[in-house]
Amino acid sequence: MQPAIHSLRTLSDLFKEVGGHFRLFDMGCRMSKLGVKDFHDFEACQKPYTLPWLKHAWVGIVLWHSEQQAAAPTIWFLKFPLDEQGYLIQAARDEFLNQLLEAIGTNMADRQESSAMADKMQHSSLAFTPDQERMAAFNAQVRALLKQPVSSYYEPVRSYILATEYSKGWQELGLQGFADLVQRLPDNDSLSKVVAASVLGLPVPVMASLAVQCENVVLPYEVSQVFIARGQASADSAEQVACLRAVSGAPNAQERQVWLLQMLHAGQAVSVELLAVVASKCQADLRDAAVLEAFMDACAVEQSVFNGLVGELMFQPGLRQSILALVRSPQRSKRLATAFGLFLQA
């Protein structure tokens, strides 16, 4: 039976009509699973997007059919524009959906044909290409989701991490291998223990490649603790930033926030890179009043940095009111008050 094309008003409707399976991922500040109901409510403008970045919702979509599990799935990467409150600007989604339905037409029920036509829609104005780090994480998740074999890059990375000599050979390790390894950490205690034992001794480039992938999973506590320890022991800003990215979504929030406050109170020494990571990866920590105040005060050292990062956070659910309460507080610093005043004039 052909789906009633005229009745399809959202992508959520389309996914249900074509049958098979689909999964959604947020591809914005980090890669994480996106709930089907959350996306449906977002499309219906019943709620703002939970994790906006740069005034868009960045979404990865995977569609596949059970009997075609070994075949390549249909994949879209779409960025949906948001209004000032984080709600979907529906006209952009409607245009994409109309173009898609025109391409598929009455062949929507033909799985092979609809998949081939849907791939052509990647040229839409909503389409984007994730960076290599995010794409590697996405590929690792999709392989696991479809129960496909791990990539050929996994074993060299695993062998390197298991080794006791780290000085040679790291230049040959592939980014995809780090993503494949990290994707297994939450459900593999023995692998987590090995990684935790290795983090302190890994060469900085290897540790950084590992850390960037760790931000995309709920990192086991013991692994995140070691990343925090390495970051606290380092005087190198780039190494600190990498370690912070690794633990930005980890469960040990109290330890992370103590470390964050130490770095943010460094005054003029706080790097723009660190502030950018806090704004994009540590938004949950910014809901803590002390962390938010330290972050905004550090941003206020340079007006352009303040305008860019605080301006972005003003659109984050739950942060706008906290920011406004802080800048209205009589206890705010003079520097912060001045920076926010200039921000409002920009």
Protein backbone atom coordinates (compact mmCIF):
# COMPACT_ATOMS: atom_id res chain seq x y z
CA MET A 1 0.00 0.00 0.00
CA GLN A 2 1.43 3.37 -0.99
CA PRO A 3 1.76 5.99 1.76
CA ALA A 4 -0.51 9.02 1.53
CA ILE A 5 2.11 11.54 0.45
CA HIS A 6 -0.15 14.53 0.98
CA SER A 7 -0.52 13.57 4.67
CA LEU A 8 3.22 13.67 5.36
CA ARG A 9 3.90 16.96 7.12
CA THR A 10 7.10 16.16 9.01
CA LEU A 11 10.17 13.99 8.65
CA SER A 12 8.89 11.99 11.61
CA ASP A 13 5.77 11.16 9.54
CA LEU A 14 7.97 10.10 6.64
CA PHE A 15 10.10 7.78 8.77
CA LYS A 16 7.01 5.99 10.03
CA GLU A 17 5.49 5.63 6.56
CA VAL A 18 8.49 4.15 4.74
CA GLY A 19 8.86 1.37 7.30
CA GLY A 20 12.14 -0.19 8.37
CA HIS A 21 14.22 1.36 11.11
CA PHE A 22 15.78 4.72 11.83
CA ARG A 23 17.96 6.32 14.47
CA LEU A 24 18.67 9.96 15.17
CA PHE A 25 21.83 11.58 16.51
CA ASP A 26 22.61 15.10 17.62
CA MET A 27 25.75 16.18 15.75
CA GLY A 28 26.18 19.66 17.22
CA CYS A 29 28.39 20.25 20.25
CA ARG A 30 29.11 16.53 20.49
CA MET A 31 27.62 13.38 19.00
CA SER A 32 24.86 11.88 21.12
CA LYS A 33 21.66 9.91 20.65
CA LEU A 34 18.55 11.95 19.91
CA GLY A 35 15.24 10.57 21.13
CA VAL A 36 12.52 9.93 18.55
CA LYS A 37 9.87 11.64 20.70
CA ASP A 38 12.16 14.62 21.34
CA PHE A 39 12.66 15.05 17.60
CA HIS A 40 8.93 14.64 16.92
CA ASP A 41 8.06 17.29 19.51
CA PHE A 42 10.76 19.56 18.10
CA GLU A 43 9.36 19.21 14.57
CA ALA A 44 5.87 19.97 15.87
CA CYS A 45 7.21 23.11 17.61
CA GLN A 46 6.03 21.73 20.93
CA LYS A 47 9.49 22.23 22.46
CA PRO A 48 12.76 23.95 21.55
CA TYR A 49 15.73 21.92 20.40
CA THR A 50 17.55 20.58 23.44
CA LEU A 51 21.12 21.01 22.19
CA PRO A 52 21.29 23.96 19.78
CA TRP A 53 24.58 25.29 18.48
CA LEU A 54 25.19 28.25 16.18
CA LYS A 55 21.41 28.73 16.05
CA HIS A 56 20.87 25.36 14.35
CA ALA A 57 19.87 21.83 15.24
CA TRP A 58 22.53 19.50 13.78
CA VAL A 59 21.00 16.07 13.19
CA GLY A 60 22.37 12.80 11.80
CA ILE A 61 19.74 10.37 10.47
CA VAL A 62 20.26 6.67 9.71
CA LEU A 63 17.58 4.65 7.87
CA TRP A 64 17.80 0.95 7.12
CA HIS A 65 15.70 -2.20 6.59
CA SER A 66 16.25 -5.39 8.56
CA GLU A 67 16.79 -7.58 5.52
CA GLN A 68 19.32 -5.07 4.15
CA GLN A 69 21.33 -4.81 7.34
CA ALA A 70 24.56 -5.79 5.61
CA ALA A 71 24.02 -3.11 2.95
CA ALA A 72 24.91 0.55 3.31
CA PRO A 73 22.13 2.43 5.13
CA THR A 74 20.67 5.74 3.96
CA ILE A 75 22.31 8.57 5.88
CA TRP A 76 21.46 12.26 6.04
CA PHE A 77 23.18 15.05 7.94
CA LEU A 78 20.77 17.98 8.20
CA LYS A 79 21.04 21.31 10.03
CA PHE A 80 17.71 22.92 10.85
CA PRO A 81 17.61 26.70 11.48
CA LEU A 82 16.18 27.80 14.82
CA ASP A 83 14.46 30.95 15.96
CA GLU A 84 15.64 33.00 18.94
CA GLN A 85 13.90 30.68 21.39
CA GLY A 86 15.37 27.52 19.89
CA TYR A 87 12.25 26.41 18.03
CA LEU A 88 12.32 25.00 14.50
CA ILE A 89 11.86 27.43 11.61
CA GLN A 90 9.43 25.11 9.86
CA ALA A 91 9.64 26.64 6.38
CA ALA A 92 13.16 25.27 5.86
CA ARG A 93 12.12 21.75 6.92
CA ASP A 94 8.99 21.94 4.76
CA GLU A 95 11.04 22.87 1.70
CA PHE A 96 13.36 19.90 2.24
CA LEU A 97 10.44 17.53 2.79
CA ASN A 98 8.66 18.71 -0.36
CA GLN A 99 11.81 18.25 -2.45
CA LEU A 100 12.28 14.79 -0.98
CA LEU A 101 8.70 13.72 -1.71
CA GLU A 102 9.00 15.00 -5.28
CA ALA A 103 12.15 12.94 -5.77
CA ILE A 104 10.68 9.79 -4.26
CA GLY A 105 7.14 10.16 -5.60
CA THR A 106 5.15 6.95 -5.79
CA ASN A 107 8.36 4.90 -5.44
CA MET A 108 8.46 5.55 -1.70
CA ALA A 109 7.37 1.97 -1.00
CA ASP A 110 10.17 0.64 -3.20
CA ARG A 111 12.93 0.46 -0.63
CA GLN A 112 15.86 0.25 -3.01
CA GLU A 113 14.57 3.04 -5.24
CA SER A 114 13.60 5.35 -2.40
CA SER A 115 16.99 4.90 -0.77
CA ALA A 116 18.82 5.81 -3.97
CA MET A 117 16.66 8.89 -4.50
CA ALA A 118 16.92 9.97 -0.89
CA ASP A 119 20.72 9.96 -1.19
CA LYS A 120 20.42 12.65 -3.87
CA MET A 121 18.78 14.95 -1.34
CA GLN A 122 22.09 15.38 0.42
CA HIS A 123 22.58 18.36 -1.90
CA SER A 124 19.81 20.20 -0.08
CA SER A 125 20.60 23.55 1.54
CA LEU A 126 20.01 21.84 4.89
CA ALA A 127 22.74 19.25 4.29
CA PHE A 128 26.13 19.48 5.97
CA THR A 129 29.25 17.32 6.24
CA PRO A 130 30.51 16.60 9.78
CA ASP A 131 34.20 17.10 10.51
CA GLN A 132 36.43 14.03 10.45
CA GLU A 133 36.38 13.53 14.21
CA ARG A 134 32.59 13.60 14.42
CA MET A 135 32.23 11.43 11.32
CA ALA A 136 34.49 8.78 12.84
CA ALA A 137 32.34 8.71 15.99
CA PHE A 138 29.18 8.49 13.88
CA ASN A 139 30.58 5.62 11.80
CA ALA A 140 31.53 3.72 14.96
CA GLN A 141 28.03 4.11 16.37
CA VAL A 142 26.36 3.06 13.12
CA ARG A 143 28.54 -0.03 12.76
CA ALA A 144 27.59 -1.08 16.28
CA LEU A 145 23.93 -0.29 15.67
CA LEU A 146 23.79 -2.42 12.52
CA LYS A 147 25.98 -5.15 14.04
CA GLN A 148 28.55 -4.68 11.29
CA PRO A 149 32.23 -5.69 11.66
CA VAL A 150 34.54 -3.18 13.29
CA SER A 151 36.81 -1.18 10.99
CA SER A 152 40.34 -2.30 10.15
CA TYR A 153 41.68 0.68 12.15
CA TYR A 154 40.44 -0.67 15.47
CA GLU A 155 42.99 -3.41 16.16
CA PRO A 156 46.13 -1.25 15.64
CA VAL A 157 44.76 1.34 18.10
CA ARG A 158 43.76 -1.32 20.61
CA SER A 159 47.19 -2.99 20.36
CA TYR A 160 48.94 0.34 20.86
CA ILE A 161 46.89 1.14 23.97
CA LEU A 162 47.58 -2.34 25.36
CA ALA A 163 51.32 -1.98 24.83
CA THR A 164 53.75 -0.73 27.46
CA GLU A 165 55.99 1.15 25.01
CA TYR A 166 54.33 4.22 23.54
CA SER A 167 57.18 6.05 21.89
CA LYS A 168 56.90 4.61 18.37
CA GLY A 169 54.29 3.99 15.73
CA TRP A 170 51.52 6.33 16.85
CA GLN A 171 51.67 8.32 13.61
CA GLU A 172 50.20 5.32 11.76
CA LEU A 173 47.08 5.04 13.94
CA GLY A 174 43.81 5.92 12.22
CA LEU A 175 41.20 8.26 13.71
CA GLN A 176 38.46 5.71 13.04
CA GLY A 177 40.26 3.22 15.27
CA PHE A 178 40.07 5.58 18.24
CA ALA A 179 36.34 6.08 17.63
CA ASP A 180 35.78 2.32 17.42
CA LEU A 181 37.66 1.75 20.67
CA VAL A 182 35.92 4.52 22.61
CA GLN A 183 32.49 3.38 21.43
CA ARG A 184 33.14 0.11 23.32
CA LEU A 185 34.26 1.66 26.61
CA PRO A 186 30.86 2.08 28.33
CA ASP A 187 30.05 -1.64 28.03
CA ASN A 188 33.51 -3.19 28.43
CA ASP A 189 34.97 -3.06 31.93
CA SER A 190 38.22 -4.78 31.05
CA LEU A 191 38.89 -2.42 28.14
CA SER A 192 38.03 0.56 30.34
CA LYS A 193 40.56 -0.55 32.94
CA VAL A 194 43.26 -0.86 30.27
CA VAL A 195 42.51 2.59 28.88
CA ALA A 196 42.43 4.13 32.36
CA ALA A 197 45.83 2.63 33.10
CA SER A 198 47.30 3.97 29.85
CA VAL A 199 46.04 7.57 29.74
CA LEU A 200 48.78 9.11 31.90
CA GLY A 201 51.57 7.63 29.79
CA LEU A 202 50.23 8.16 26.27
CA PRO A 203 52.04 10.64 24.00
CA VAL A 204 50.09 13.90 23.79
CA PRO A 205 48.92 13.41 20.16
CA VAL A 206 47.59 9.92 20.97
CA MET A 207 45.94 11.09 24.17
CA ALA A 208 44.32 13.98 22.26
CA SER A 209 42.93 11.67 19.56
CA LEU A 210 41.52 9.42 22.26
CA ALA A 211 40.11 12.35 24.25
CA VAL A 212 38.25 13.88 21.33
CA GLN A 213 36.35 10.64 20.83
CA CYS A 214 35.65 10.24 24.54
CA GLU A 215 33.41 13.31 24.53
CA ASN A 216 30.87 11.36 22.44
CA VAL A 217 30.15 8.66 25.04
CA VAL A 218 29.26 8.53 28.72
CA LEU A 219 32.81 7.83 29.83
CA PRO A 220 33.31 5.29 32.64
CA TYR A 221 34.17 6.98 35.93
CA GLU A 222 37.64 5.48 36.27
CA VAL A 223 38.66 6.64 32.79
CA SER A 224 37.35 10.16 33.30
CA GLN A 225 39.16 10.46 36.63
CA VAL A 226 42.49 9.72 34.97
CA PHE A 227 41.85 12.32 32.26
CA ILE A 228 41.10 14.90 34.97
CA ALA A 229 44.30 13.94 36.79
CA ARG A 230 46.35 14.34 33.61
CA GLY A 231 44.75 17.69 32.84
CA GLN A 232 45.37 18.99 36.35
CA ALA A 233 49.01 17.92 36.21
CA SER A 234 49.67 19.61 32.87
CA ALA A 235 50.72 23.22 32.36
CA ASP A 236 50.02 23.00 28.61
CA SER A 237 46.74 24.65 27.61
CA ALA A 238 46.18 22.40 24.58
CA GLU A 239 46.62 19.28 26.72
CA GLN A 240 44.21 20.66 29.33
CA VAL A 241 41.63 21.39 26.63
CA ALA A 242 41.91 17.85 25.24
CA CYS A 243 41.44 16.33 28.70
CA LEU A 244 38.45 18.59 29.37
CA ARG A 245 36.83 17.52 26.13
CA ALA A 246 37.27 13.88 27.16
CA VAL A 247 35.42 14.30 30.45
CA SER A 248 32.89 16.95 29.40
CA GLY A 249 30.01 14.46 29.41
CA ALA A 250 31.34 12.14 32.13
CA PRO A 251 29.37 11.37 35.32
CA ASN A 252 31.91 12.82 37.80
CA ALA A 253 30.57 16.36 37.57
CA GLN A 254 31.81 17.48 40.99
CA GLU A 255 35.46 16.69 40.28
CA ARG A 256 35.20 18.24 36.81
CA GLN A 257 33.69 21.44 38.17
CA VAL A 258 36.41 21.80 40.81
CA TRP A 259 39.00 21.53 38.05
CA LEU A 260 37.05 23.92 35.82
CA LEU A 261 37.03 26.56 38.55
CA GLN A 262 40.77 26.19 38.98
CA MET A 263 41.35 26.83 35.27
CA LEU A 264 38.80 29.63 34.93
CA HIS A 265 40.24 31.53 37.88
CA ALA A 266 43.61 31.78 36.14
CA GLY A 267 42.76 35.33 35.04
CA GLN A 268 44.54 36.55 31.92
CA ALA A 269 45.99 33.06 31.38
CA VAL A 270 42.63 31.51 30.39
CA SER A 271 42.88 30.58 26.70
CA VAL A 272 40.17 31.24 24.14
CA GLU A 273 40.29 27.55 23.22
CA LEU A 274 39.46 26.56 26.79
CA LEU A 275 36.58 29.04 26.96
CA ALA A 276 35.21 27.75 23.64
CA VAL A 277 35.27 24.16 24.92
CA VAL A 278 33.49 25.15 28.13
CA ALA A 279 30.79 26.94 26.12
CA SER A 280 30.27 24.13 23.63
CA LYS A 281 30.92 20.97 25.67
CA CYS A 282 30.32 21.84 29.35
CA GLN A 283 26.93 23.51 29.23
CA ALA A 284 25.63 21.27 32.02
CA ASP A 285 28.42 22.58 34.27
CA LEU A 286 27.48 26.17 33.43
CA ARG A 287 24.20 25.59 35.23
CA ASP A 288 26.28 25.72 38.41
CA ALA A 289 26.29 29.36 39.53
CA ALA A 290 29.96 29.42 40.54
CA VAL A 291 31.14 27.92 37.26
CA LEU A 292 28.94 30.26 35.20
CA GLU A 293 30.24 33.33 37.01
CA ALA A 294 33.87 32.26 36.65
CA PHE A 295 33.35 31.49 32.96
CA MET A 296 31.66 34.79 32.13
CA ASP A 297 34.23 36.77 34.08
CA ALA A 298 37.02 35.03 32.16
CA CYS A 299 35.26 35.75 28.85
CA ALA A 300 34.94 39.41 29.81
CA VAL A 301 38.72 39.88 29.47
CA GLU A 302 38.22 40.12 25.68
CA GLN A 303 35.00 41.69 24.38
CA SER A 304 34.89 39.80 21.08
CA VAL A 305 35.18 36.49 22.93
CA PHE A 306 32.46 37.55 25.36
CA ASN A 307 30.12 38.60 22.56
CA GLY A 308 30.60 35.35 20.64
CA LEU A 309 30.42 32.80 23.45
CA VAL A 310 27.94 34.46 25.81
CA GLY A 311 25.79 35.42 22.83
CA GLU A 312 25.60 31.75 21.85
CA LEU A 313 24.80 30.63 25.40
CA MET A 314 21.92 33.10 25.61
CA PHE A 315 20.07 30.76 23.22
CA GLN A 316 20.70 27.62 25.28
CA PRO A 317 17.67 26.22 27.17
CA GLY A 318 18.04 26.92 30.88
CA LEU A 319 21.05 29.24 30.60
CA ARG A 320 19.55 32.52 29.43
CA GLN A 321 17.79 33.26 32.72
CA SER A 322 20.86 32.25 34.72
CA ILE A 323 23.04 34.63 32.69
CA LEU A 324 20.59 37.49 33.11
CA ALA A 325 20.33 36.85 36.86
CA LEU A 326 24.11 36.91 37.15
CA VAL A 327 24.65 40.19 35.31
CA ARG A 328 21.87 41.83 37.35
CA SER A 329 23.40 40.70 40.63
CA PRO A 330 24.97 43.45 42.77
CA GLN A 331 27.86 41.05 43.46
CA ARG A 332 28.90 40.80 39.81
CA SER A 333 32.35 42.09 38.92
CA LYS A 334 32.74 45.51 37.33
CA ARG A 335 34.48 43.87 34.36
CA LEU A 336 31.52 41.55 33.79
CA ALA A 337 29.01 44.40 34.04
CA THR A 338 30.97 46.45 31.51
CA ALA A 339 31.33 43.52 29.10
CA PHE A 340 27.61 42.72 29.22
CA GLY A 341 26.71 46.35 28.67
CA LEU A 342 28.88 46.45 25.53
CA PHE A 343 27.38 43.11 24.46
CA LEU A 344 23.88 44.60 24.54
CA GLN A 345 25.06 47.52 22.40
CA ALA A 346 26.64 45.30 19.75
